[in-house]
Protein backbone atom coordinates (compact mmCIF):
# COMPACT_ATOMS: atom_id res chain seq x y z
CA MET A 1 -73.21 -201.06 -64.01
CA ARG A 2 -72.45 -197.66 -62.51
CA ASN A 3 -75.19 -195.47 -61.05
CA LEU A 4 -74.91 -191.68 -61.06
CA ALA A 5 -77.63 -189.96 -59.14
CA PHE A 6 -79.41 -186.57 -59.47
CA LEU A 7 -81.60 -185.55 -56.54
CA GLY A 8 -84.73 -183.87 -57.92
CA LEU A 9 -86.26 -181.04 -56.06
CA LEU A 10 -89.91 -180.41 -55.96
CA CYS A 11 -91.32 -178.60 -58.91
CA ALA A 12 -94.90 -177.56 -59.64
CA GLY A 13 -96.52 -177.49 -62.98
CA LEU A 14 -99.77 -178.11 -64.77
CA VAL A 15 -100.54 -181.45 -66.37
CA HIS A 16 -102.71 -181.77 -69.45
CA THR A 17 -103.03 -184.32 -72.22
CA GLY A 18 -99.54 -184.96 -73.67
CA ILE A 19 -97.01 -183.13 -71.60
CA ALA A 20 -97.27 -180.05 -69.29
CA VAL A 21 -98.98 -177.04 -70.67
CA PRO A 22 -97.31 -173.56 -70.54
CA GLY A 23 -97.46 -172.02 -67.18
CA ALA A 24 -95.20 -170.68 -64.35
CA ALA A 25 -91.85 -172.34 -63.98
CA ILE A 26 -91.77 -174.47 -60.89
CA SER A 27 -88.69 -175.24 -58.81
CA ILE A 28 -88.41 -176.19 -55.16
CA PRO A 29 -85.97 -173.75 -53.58
CA GLY A 30 -83.44 -174.44 -50.93
CA ILE A 31 -82.53 -178.06 -51.68
CA PRO A 32 -78.80 -178.21 -50.99
CA HIS A 33 -76.58 -179.74 -53.62
CA VAL A 34 -74.30 -182.61 -52.50
CA GLN A 35 -71.43 -183.87 -54.61
CA GLN A 36 -71.34 -187.57 -54.70
CA LYS A 37 -68.42 -189.81 -53.59
CA PRO A 38 -67.33 -192.28 -56.30
CA ASP A 39 -70.37 -194.37 -57.41
CA PHE A 40 -72.58 -192.92 -54.65
CA CYS A 41 -74.81 -190.93 -56.95
CA GLY A 42 -78.07 -192.28 -55.65
CA GLU A 43 -76.90 -191.95 -52.10
CA ALA A 44 -75.92 -188.30 -52.71
CA CYS A 45 -79.35 -187.60 -54.21
CA ALA A 46 -81.01 -189.00 -51.14
CA GLU A 47 -78.69 -186.90 -48.86
CA MET A 48 -79.86 -183.74 -50.69
CA VAL A 49 -83.48 -184.35 -49.94
CA LEU A 50 -82.72 -185.42 -46.33
CA ARG A 51 -80.81 -182.21 -45.71
CA LYS A 52 -83.75 -180.19 -47.18
CA LEU A 53 -85.94 -181.94 -44.61
CA GLY A 54 -83.54 -181.01 -41.83
CA HIS A 55 -81.85 -184.40 -41.24
CA ASP A 56 -78.10 -184.72 -40.88
CA ILE A 57 -77.96 -188.00 -42.77
CA SER A 58 -75.17 -188.39 -45.25
CA GLN A 59 -74.70 -190.40 -48.45
CA ASN A 60 -72.60 -192.79 -46.37
CA ASP A 61 -75.57 -193.30 -44.04
CA VAL A 62 -77.80 -193.97 -47.03
CA PHE A 63 -75.39 -196.66 -48.34
CA ASN A 64 -75.21 -198.20 -44.83
CA ALA A 65 -79.02 -198.32 -44.66
CA ALA A 66 -79.03 -200.44 -47.85
CA GLY A 67 -77.11 -203.32 -46.18
CA LEU A 68 -74.93 -203.74 -49.30
CA ASP A 69 -71.79 -205.86 -48.94
CA PRO A 70 -68.88 -203.37 -49.20
CA VAL A 71 -66.69 -206.05 -50.77
CA LEU A 72 -68.68 -205.50 -54.00
CA GLY A 73 -66.88 -202.18 -54.27
CA ARG A 74 -69.75 -200.15 -55.63
CA GLY A 75 -72.67 -197.88 -54.74
CA CYS A 76 -76.31 -198.82 -54.61
CA TYR A 77 -78.18 -200.05 -57.63
CA THR A 78 -81.88 -199.34 -57.80
CA PRO A 79 -83.16 -202.27 -55.66
CA GLU A 80 -80.59 -201.47 -52.90
CA LEU A 81 -81.36 -197.67 -53.07
CA LYS A 82 -85.09 -198.40 -52.79
CA ARG A 83 -84.43 -200.61 -49.75
CA ALA A 84 -82.28 -197.85 -48.10
CA LEU A 85 -84.90 -195.14 -48.76
CA ALA A 86 -87.65 -197.34 -47.28
CA ALA A 87 -85.49 -197.97 -44.21
CA LEU A 88 -84.95 -194.26 -43.83
CA GLY A 89 -88.65 -193.49 -44.03
CA PHE A 90 -89.44 -192.50 -47.60
CA LYS A 91 -92.53 -193.64 -49.52
CA THR A 92 -90.94 -194.45 -52.87
CA GLY A 93 -93.99 -196.08 -54.44
CA GLN A 94 -93.76 -198.19 -57.55
CA THR A 95 -90.21 -197.96 -58.92
CA TRP A 96 -90.00 -199.96 -62.14
CA TYR A 97 -92.28 -199.30 -65.09
CA VAL A 98 -92.13 -201.34 -68.28
CA VAL A 99 -93.21 -199.52 -71.52
CA PRO A 100 -93.38 -200.68 -75.10
CA ALA A 101 -90.42 -199.44 -77.11
CA ASP A 102 -92.64 -198.57 -80.09
CA LYS A 103 -94.98 -196.34 -78.13
CA PRO A 104 -93.13 -193.12 -77.07
CA PRO A 105 -96.33 -191.68 -75.50
CA ALA A 106 -95.96 -194.30 -72.75
CA VAL A 107 -92.72 -192.57 -71.62
CA ARG A 108 -94.64 -189.23 -71.65
CA ASP A 109 -97.32 -190.71 -69.52
CA GLN A 110 -94.68 -191.52 -66.86
CA TRP A 111 -93.37 -187.96 -67.09
CA LYS A 112 -96.91 -186.70 -66.37
CA VAL A 113 -97.06 -188.71 -63.21
CA LEU A 114 -93.58 -187.53 -62.12
CA HIS A 115 -94.65 -183.94 -62.99
CA GLY A 116 -97.76 -184.36 -60.90
CA ASP A 117 -95.67 -185.29 -57.85
CA LEU A 118 -93.51 -182.24 -58.44
CA THR A 119 -96.71 -180.10 -58.20
CA LYS A 120 -97.22 -181.63 -54.78
CA GLY A 121 -93.71 -180.88 -53.64
CA VAL A 122 -92.38 -184.43 -54.11
CA PRO A 123 -89.12 -184.75 -56.02
CA SER A 124 -88.02 -187.92 -57.72
CA ILE A 125 -84.72 -189.78 -58.17
CA VAL A 126 -84.56 -191.14 -61.62
CA CYS A 127 -82.15 -193.57 -63.21
CA MET A 128 -81.13 -192.57 -66.72
CA ARG A 129 -78.69 -193.48 -69.43
CA ALA A 130 -75.46 -191.42 -69.42
CA GLY A 131 -73.17 -192.64 -72.19
CA THR A 132 -72.49 -196.29 -71.52
CA ASN A 133 -73.39 -196.00 -67.85
CA GLU A 134 -76.55 -195.56 -65.82
CA HIS A 135 -77.01 -192.47 -63.72
CA PHE A 136 -79.23 -191.29 -60.88
CA ARG A 137 -80.49 -187.77 -61.09
CA LEU A 138 -82.73 -185.82 -58.68
CA VAL A 139 -85.50 -184.10 -60.63
CA VAL A 140 -86.42 -180.80 -58.87
CA GLY A 141 -88.56 -178.86 -61.29
CA TYR A 142 -89.87 -178.01 -64.69
CA ASP A 143 -89.87 -174.77 -66.82
CA PRO A 144 -92.70 -174.93 -69.31
CA GLY A 145 -91.54 -171.83 -71.10
CA LYS A 146 -88.21 -173.44 -72.00
CA ASP A 147 -89.68 -176.96 -71.85
CA THR A 148 -86.76 -177.98 -69.67
CA VAL A 149 -86.42 -180.35 -66.66
CA LEU A 150 -84.57 -178.99 -63.59
CA TYR A 151 -82.38 -181.37 -61.75
CA HIS A 152 -79.46 -181.66 -59.25
CA GLU A 153 -76.39 -183.35 -60.68
CA PRO A 154 -74.51 -185.19 -57.90
CA ALA A 155 -71.50 -185.96 -60.14
CA ALA A 156 -70.52 -182.24 -60.47
CA ALA A 157 -69.28 -179.74 -57.87
CA GLU A 158 -71.63 -177.10 -59.31
CA GLY A 159 -74.56 -179.28 -60.11
CA ALA A 160 -77.54 -177.50 -58.54
CA TYR A 161 -80.64 -176.65 -60.57
CA ARG A 162 -79.34 -177.66 -63.97
CA GLU A 163 -81.63 -177.74 -66.98
CA LEU A 164 -82.21 -180.42 -69.60
CA ALA A 165 -84.54 -180.20 -72.54
CA LEU A 166 -87.61 -182.33 -71.86
CA ASP A 167 -87.27 -184.22 -75.19
CA LYS A 168 -83.67 -185.18 -74.28
CA PHE A 169 -84.78 -186.18 -70.79
CA LEU A 170 -87.51 -188.43 -72.22
CA ASP A 171 -85.02 -189.96 -74.61
CA ALA A 172 -82.42 -190.74 -71.86
CA TRP A 173 -84.83 -191.89 -69.17
CA PRO A 174 -85.84 -195.33 -70.44
CA LEU A 175 -83.26 -198.10 -69.75
CA LYS A 176 -83.22 -200.08 -72.95
CA TYR A 177 -82.36 -203.57 -71.60
CA LYS A 178 -84.61 -205.18 -74.24
CA ARG A 179 -85.27 -204.17 -77.84
CA LYS A 180 -89.02 -204.21 -77.60
CA ARG A 181 -89.64 -203.32 -73.92
CA TRP A 182 -87.96 -200.55 -71.99
CA THR A 183 -87.73 -199.97 -68.25
CA ILE A 184 -88.34 -196.64 -66.52
CA VAL A 185 -86.96 -196.25 -62.98
CA ARG A 186 -88.29 -193.60 -60.61
CA LEU A 187 -88.10 -193.34 -56.78
CA ARG A 188 -90.58 -190.90 -55.30
CA MET A 189 -89.04 -188.93 -52.48
CA GLU A 190 -92.17 -188.43 -50.34
CA PRO A 191 -91.09 -188.43 -46.68
CA GLY A 192 -92.86 -190.46 -44.02
CA THR A 193 -91.33 -190.73 -40.60
CA ILE A 194 -87.64 -190.27 -41.23
CA ALA A 195 -85.35 -192.46 -39.13
CA GLU A 196 -82.76 -191.02 -36.87
CA ARG A 197 -79.11 -191.21 -38.03
CA PRO A 198 -77.73 -194.49 -36.59
CA ALA A 199 -74.65 -194.35 -34.37
CA ILE A 200 -71.78 -196.36 -35.94
CA ALA A 201 -68.51 -196.97 -34.14
CA GLY A 202 -65.43 -196.92 -36.29
CA PHE A 203 -65.47 -197.27 -40.03
CA SER A 204 -68.86 -198.06 -41.64
CA ALA A 205 -69.75 -200.25 -44.56
CA ALA A 206 -69.70 -197.14 -46.73
CA ASP A 207 -66.11 -196.31 -45.69
CA TYR A 208 -65.04 -199.85 -46.60
CA ALA A 209 -66.93 -199.71 -49.92
CA GLN A 210 -65.13 -196.46 -50.89
CA HIS A 211 -61.85 -197.96 -49.81
CA ILE A 212 -62.39 -201.11 -51.85
CA MET A 213 -63.28 -199.03 -54.96
CA GLN A 214 -59.86 -197.42 -54.65
CA LEU A 215 -58.22 -200.83 -54.17
CA ARG A 216 -59.84 -202.22 -57.31
CA GLU A 217 -58.58 -199.21 -59.27
CA LYS A 218 -55.12 -200.13 -58.02
CA ILE A 219 -55.17 -203.86 -58.67
CA GLY A 220 -57.56 -203.99 -61.63
CA LYS A 221 -60.73 -206.02 -62.06
CA ASP A 222 -59.11 -209.20 -63.37
CA SER A 223 -56.09 -209.20 -61.06
CA GLY A 224 -56.64 -212.60 -59.47
CA PHE A 225 -56.88 -211.03 -56.02
CA THR A 226 -59.57 -211.85 -53.50
CA VAL A 227 -60.72 -209.04 -51.22
CA VAL A 228 -62.18 -209.71 -47.77
CA VAL A 229 -63.32 -207.16 -45.14
CA GLN A 230 -62.13 -208.33 -41.81
CA LYS A 231 -62.67 -205.27 -39.63
CA PRO A 232 -60.66 -203.14 -39.00
CA PHE A 233 -58.61 -204.54 -41.89
CA VAL A 234 -59.15 -205.28 -45.56
CA VAL A 235 -57.39 -208.48 -46.59
CA ILE A 236 -56.23 -208.81 -50.21
CA GLY A 237 -54.66 -212.08 -51.38
CA ASP A 238 -53.68 -213.88 -54.54
CA GLU A 239 -54.03 -217.43 -53.29
CA ASN A 240 -57.28 -219.16 -54.20
CA PRO A 241 -60.32 -217.36 -52.81
CA LYS A 242 -61.02 -220.01 -50.18
CA ALA A 243 -57.50 -219.83 -48.79
CA VAL A 244 -57.66 -216.03 -48.55
CA ARG A 245 -61.00 -216.12 -46.73
CA LEU A 246 -59.69 -218.78 -44.31
CA ARG A 247 -56.70 -216.69 -43.50
CA ALA A 248 -58.91 -213.65 -42.94
CA GLU A 249 -61.06 -215.66 -40.61
CA ARG A 250 -58.57 -217.94 -38.83
CA THR A 251 -55.61 -215.63 -38.52
CA VAL A 252 -56.66 -211.98 -38.84
CA LYS A 253 -59.96 -212.19 -37.06
CA TRP A 254 -58.73 -214.74 -34.53
CA ALA A 255 -55.64 -212.64 -33.57
CA THR A 256 -57.41 -209.30 -33.66
CA LYS A 257 -60.17 -210.29 -31.26
CA ARG A 258 -57.79 -211.79 -28.74
CA LEU A 259 -55.34 -208.88 -28.91
CA LYS A 260 -58.12 -206.37 -28.43
CA ASP A 261 -59.47 -208.39 -25.47
CA LEU A 262 -56.08 -208.09 -23.73
CA TYR A 263 -54.77 -204.69 -24.71
CA PHE A 264 -56.47 -202.43 -27.24
CA ASP A 265 -59.62 -200.25 -26.90
CA LYS A 266 -59.15 -198.35 -30.11
CA ASP A 267 -58.98 -199.54 -33.74
CA PRO A 268 -56.34 -198.03 -36.05
CA ALA A 269 -57.08 -194.51 -37.23
CA ASP A 270 -57.03 -195.67 -40.90
CA ILE A 271 -58.31 -198.64 -42.72
CA ILE A 272 -55.31 -200.95 -42.94
CA ASP A 273 -54.77 -203.23 -45.93
CA ILE A 274 -53.30 -206.68 -45.34
CA TRP A 275 -51.67 -207.94 -48.54
CA LEU A 276 -51.07 -211.68 -48.59
CA PHE A 277 -48.84 -212.68 -51.53
CA LYS A 278 -48.87 -216.36 -52.17
CA ASP A 279 -45.14 -216.94 -52.57
CA LYS A 280 -41.69 -215.31 -52.93
CA ALA A 281 -42.15 -214.52 -56.57
CA SER A 282 -45.52 -212.82 -56.03
CA TYR A 283 -44.22 -210.96 -53.00
CA ARG A 284 -41.24 -209.56 -54.86
CA LYS A 285 -43.26 -208.72 -58.01
CA HIS A 286 -46.13 -207.03 -56.36
CA THR A 287 -44.21 -205.06 -53.68
CA TRP A 288 -42.48 -203.33 -56.59
CA GLU A 289 -45.47 -203.02 -58.88
CA LEU A 290 -47.87 -201.78 -56.21
CA PHE A 291 -45.67 -199.96 -53.82
CA ARG A 292 -42.28 -199.42 -55.52
CA ASP A 293 -40.67 -201.25 -52.55
CA ARG A 294 -37.76 -203.64 -52.50
CA PRO A 295 -38.25 -205.35 -49.16
CA ASP A 296 -35.25 -206.35 -47.10
CA THR A 297 -37.04 -209.17 -45.42
CA PRO A 298 -38.41 -212.35 -47.00
CA PHE A 299 -41.30 -212.60 -44.52
CA GLY A 300 -43.24 -209.35 -44.60
CA TYR A 301 -43.34 -205.86 -43.22
CA ALA A 302 -45.52 -202.93 -42.20
CA SER A 303 -45.73 -199.81 -44.42
CA SER A 304 -47.00 -196.71 -42.70
CA THR A 305 -46.76 -194.87 -46.05
CA HIS A 306 -49.28 -197.26 -47.65
CA HIS A 307 -51.27 -198.03 -44.46
CA ALA A 308 -50.58 -201.63 -45.21
CA LEU A 309 -49.16 -204.88 -43.82
CA ILE A 310 -47.42 -206.63 -46.67
CA MET A 311 -46.72 -210.40 -46.37
CA ASN A 312 -45.12 -213.33 -48.17
CA ILE A 313 -47.73 -215.60 -46.66
CA ALA A 314 -45.85 -218.72 -47.89
CA THR A 315 -43.52 -218.17 -44.94
CA GLY A 316 -46.34 -218.65 -42.49
CA GLY A 317 -48.73 -216.49 -40.49
CA GLY A 318 -46.42 -215.61 -37.70
CA THR A 319 -45.10 -212.37 -39.22
CA LEU A 320 -48.69 -211.42 -39.99
CA VAL A 321 -49.79 -211.65 -36.36
CA HIS A 322 -46.64 -209.72 -35.35
CA GLU A 323 -47.43 -206.94 -37.77
CA ILE A 324 -51.09 -206.82 -36.71
CA VAL A 325 -49.96 -205.69 -33.32
CA HIS A 326 -48.25 -202.47 -34.58
CA PRO A 327 -51.17 -200.47 -35.99
CA PHE A 328 -53.03 -201.18 -32.69
CA VAL A 329 -50.09 -199.98 -30.62
CA ASP A 330 -49.93 -196.85 -32.77
CA ALA A 331 -53.61 -196.14 -32.12
CA ASN A 332 -53.61 -196.96 -28.42
CA PHE A 333 -50.10 -196.23 -27.21
CA PRO A 334 -48.56 -193.78 -29.69
CA SER A 335 -45.56 -193.06 -27.37
CA CYS A 336 -44.74 -196.69 -26.96
CA PRO A 337 -40.93 -197.17 -27.38
CA ALA A 338 -39.58 -199.47 -30.03
CA TRP A 339 -38.34 -202.02 -27.60
CA PHE A 340 -41.83 -202.81 -26.22
CA ASN A 341 -43.63 -202.33 -29.53
CA GLU A 342 -41.39 -204.95 -31.15
CA GLY A 343 -41.21 -207.13 -28.07
CA LEU A 344 -45.05 -207.38 -27.93
CA GLY A 345 -45.37 -207.86 -31.69
CA SER A 346 -42.64 -210.51 -31.90
CA LEU A 347 -44.09 -212.34 -28.95
CA TYR A 348 -47.06 -213.35 -31.13
CA GLU A 349 -44.97 -214.53 -34.08
CA GLN A 350 -45.50 -217.98 -32.66
CA SER A 351 -48.87 -217.97 -30.85
CA SER A 352 -51.72 -220.12 -29.69
CA ALA A 353 -54.75 -219.91 -27.44
CA ARG A 354 -54.78 -220.70 -23.70
CA ASN A 355 -58.07 -220.48 -21.88
CA GLY A 356 -59.44 -218.40 -24.74
CA ARG A 357 -56.60 -215.95 -24.67
CA ILE A 358 -53.78 -215.44 -27.14
CA VAL A 359 -50.38 -216.47 -25.85
CA GLY A 360 -46.96 -216.32 -27.33
CA LEU A 361 -44.93 -219.52 -27.59
CA THR A 362 -41.22 -220.06 -27.85
CA ASN A 363 -39.90 -219.51 -31.38
CA TRP A 364 -36.84 -219.30 -33.63
CA ARG A 365 -35.43 -216.24 -31.80
CA LEU A 366 -34.69 -218.41 -28.73
CA ASP A 367 -31.53 -220.05 -30.06
CA GLY A 368 -29.73 -216.83 -30.79
CA LEU A 369 -30.74 -215.38 -27.40
CA GLN A 370 -29.49 -218.41 -25.52
CA LYS A 371 -26.12 -218.25 -27.33
CA ALA A 372 -25.85 -214.52 -26.46
CA ILE A 373 -26.63 -215.33 -22.80
CA ARG A 374 -23.85 -217.90 -22.74
CA ARG A 375 -21.52 -215.34 -24.26
CA LYS A 376 -22.64 -212.80 -21.65
CA SER A 377 -23.36 -210.32 -24.40
CA VAL A 378 -26.98 -209.49 -23.55
CA PRO A 379 -27.25 -205.91 -22.32
CA SER A 380 -28.96 -204.83 -19.07
CA PHE A 381 -32.68 -204.17 -19.08
CA LYS A 382 -31.97 -200.56 -18.32
CA THR A 383 -29.90 -200.40 -21.56
CA LEU A 384 -32.59 -202.25 -23.57
CA THR A 385 -35.46 -200.11 -22.34
CA GLY A 386 -33.39 -196.91 -22.75
CA THR A 387 -32.74 -197.46 -26.51
CA SER A 388 -34.07 -194.86 -28.89
CA THR A 389 -35.96 -196.00 -31.97
CA ARG A 390 -32.80 -195.63 -34.09
CA GLU A 391 -30.69 -197.44 -31.50
CA PHE A 392 -33.11 -200.34 -31.21
CA TYR A 393 -33.25 -200.93 -34.93
CA ASP A 394 -29.87 -199.74 -36.22
CA GLU A 395 -27.55 -200.54 -33.36
CA ASP A 396 -28.90 -203.95 -32.55
CA LEU A 397 -26.28 -206.27 -31.17
CA GLY A 398 -28.29 -209.13 -32.51
CA THR A 399 -30.33 -209.51 -29.31
CA ASN A 400 -32.65 -206.50 -29.11
CA TYR A 401 -35.70 -208.25 -30.67
CA ALA A 402 -35.12 -211.50 -28.87
CA GLN A 403 -34.42 -209.91 -25.46
CA ALA A 404 -37.59 -207.79 -25.78
CA ARG A 405 -39.58 -210.73 -26.92
CA TYR A 406 -38.51 -213.09 -24.14
CA LEU A 407 -38.94 -210.41 -21.52
CA CYS A 408 -42.54 -210.14 -22.72
CA TYR A 409 -42.73 -213.96 -22.75
CA TYR A 410 -41.53 -214.07 -19.15
CA LEU A 411 -44.08 -211.45 -18.03
CA GLN A 412 -46.79 -213.43 -19.88
CA GLU A 413 -45.95 -216.67 -18.19
CA LYS A 414 -45.88 -214.93 -14.75
CA GLY A 415 -49.31 -213.36 -15.46
CA LEU A 416 -47.84 -209.83 -15.47
CA LEU A 417 -47.80 -208.84 -19.16
CA LYS A 418 -51.32 -207.41 -19.45
CA GLY A 419 -50.89 -205.40 -16.25
CA PHE A 420 -47.49 -204.13 -17.40
CA TYR A 421 -48.91 -202.93 -20.76
CA HIS A 422 -51.77 -200.97 -19.19
CA THR A 423 -49.65 -199.51 -16.36
CA PHE A 424 -46.93 -198.55 -18.75
CA ARG A 425 -49.29 -196.85 -21.11
CA ARG A 426 -50.95 -195.01 -18.28
CA ASN A 427 -47.59 -193.79 -16.77
CA ALA A 428 -45.69 -193.26 -20.04
CA THR A 429 -45.42 -189.51 -19.53
CA GLU A 430 -43.53 -189.91 -16.28
CA ASP A 431 -41.80 -193.16 -17.33
CA PRO A 432 -41.26 -192.98 -21.15
CA SER A 433 -38.83 -195.93 -21.23
CA GLY A 434 -40.94 -198.22 -19.04
CA TYR A 435 -38.01 -199.12 -16.84
CA ARG A 436 -39.47 -197.92 -13.60
CA THR A 437 -42.78 -199.52 -14.45
CA LEU A 438 -41.06 -202.78 -15.22
CA LYS A 439 -39.33 -202.75 -11.79
CA ASN A 440 -42.63 -202.01 -10.03
CA VAL A 441 -44.58 -204.72 -11.87
CA LEU A 442 -41.80 -207.28 -11.24
CA GLY A 443 -41.61 -206.17 -7.59
CA VAL A 444 -37.86 -206.07 -7.67
CA GLU A 445 -35.28 -203.33 -6.96
CA ASP A 446 -32.08 -205.19 -8.00
CA MET A 447 -32.49 -205.50 -11.75
CA GLY A 448 -29.04 -207.12 -12.07
CA ALA A 449 -30.26 -209.96 -9.86
CA PHE A 450 -33.44 -210.19 -11.88
CA LYS A 451 -31.53 -210.35 -15.14
CA ALA A 452 -29.51 -213.35 -13.88
CA GLN A 453 -32.77 -214.97 -12.82
CA TRP A 454 -34.38 -214.25 -16.18
CA GLU A 455 -31.36 -215.59 -18.09
CA ALA A 456 -31.48 -218.82 -16.12
CA TYR A 457 -35.18 -219.06 -16.96
CA VAL A 458 -34.58 -218.44 -20.70
CA LEU A 459 -31.77 -221.07 -20.85
CA LYS A 460 -34.27 -223.71 -19.77
CA LEU A 461 -36.74 -222.92 -22.55
CA ARG A 462 -36.88 -225.11 -25.60
CA PHE A 463 -37.92 -224.64 -29.22
CA PRO A 464 -39.41 -226.56 -30.83
């Protein structure tokens, strides 16, 4: 059920038996019109009144005050909007009125009460039928000469002070859930003590709700996907719902918290989607249908174009943790060179916890690196750290990823990795490759001798 809201401005008029008697048209001036975000009609109506009262409280803030789960991917229905308005300081009064369907005067009686509030400067948000949907409108006045109701329409860009014939208003106002008994919904916008706008760090529940609405448009309502908000990510998977929720909790949340504890102060600048496809067939099918991609890896990849991490989760969660690193690096260390970005990410392809901290373990990249060491084909660390992005990815001798990973592994095991990251980020303008910082953190001058020491160390490692 979709709510579209109009924010009614205060109108004054005379009330008599039946409906209002002729008199001066009444309209509360100066109520700003706000166009709603998708499905935030009631929230936009509330924002209009709040701005009239001098409060910088947005429709997003109204949604957040409702405490609605953003995973539902919708705006507030009447109970949630009433809860939000009460939390913000409005005296909404009785909201639901049941009237007999065979007694139209009962609807007029409710109009008289609404009209009486308008004469006192109190607008009302009403929920009305609009085609097959339900729609919030803000009633702001009444013109007895034309017998029209004035309202703000949040669904339109130019929706201020529109007119609707009173008889049409009274016909569309009742919600006809039952054949014999109709429901009238009205929220009085009488202000009490209005709450201050809450400070929210990062993306709010409203931001996630709007994002999930867009996702559901993309995947369809009956797609078989489960959606989970795991801040700062949204996880979308086509395994069974329990499995998707467990991965969001035990992999995404687990890794994100520990990576932030060690390295990252800022969340990504965008909401990042994590797509977990259940097997190879789903991965291939959906990467094409959703993104028009033909991935060159069977495991998964990051897409900056789609603000997404896209995984074949049947291959395990290692690639997922690897890819989680990259949007955080982009947000916190945008000048980070590819060698360290990929070295840090690939370190956590195989990870565990040690004393509450995430640590990388040896993994499948070790075998190839050990063979390259024995062939004496591993480049110097000056060469590795001096690679450009294109050189790192496109001119890889087969060792770039592994060498970068096991350098990070060595630093981790010697208790130096966290310090190296923060020092490198701080000094990146003067040392963009990180080579001088690496020498300083290691406390060595002869990097050739260190490379020989590091290679001997790596040759002793084992996987599994």
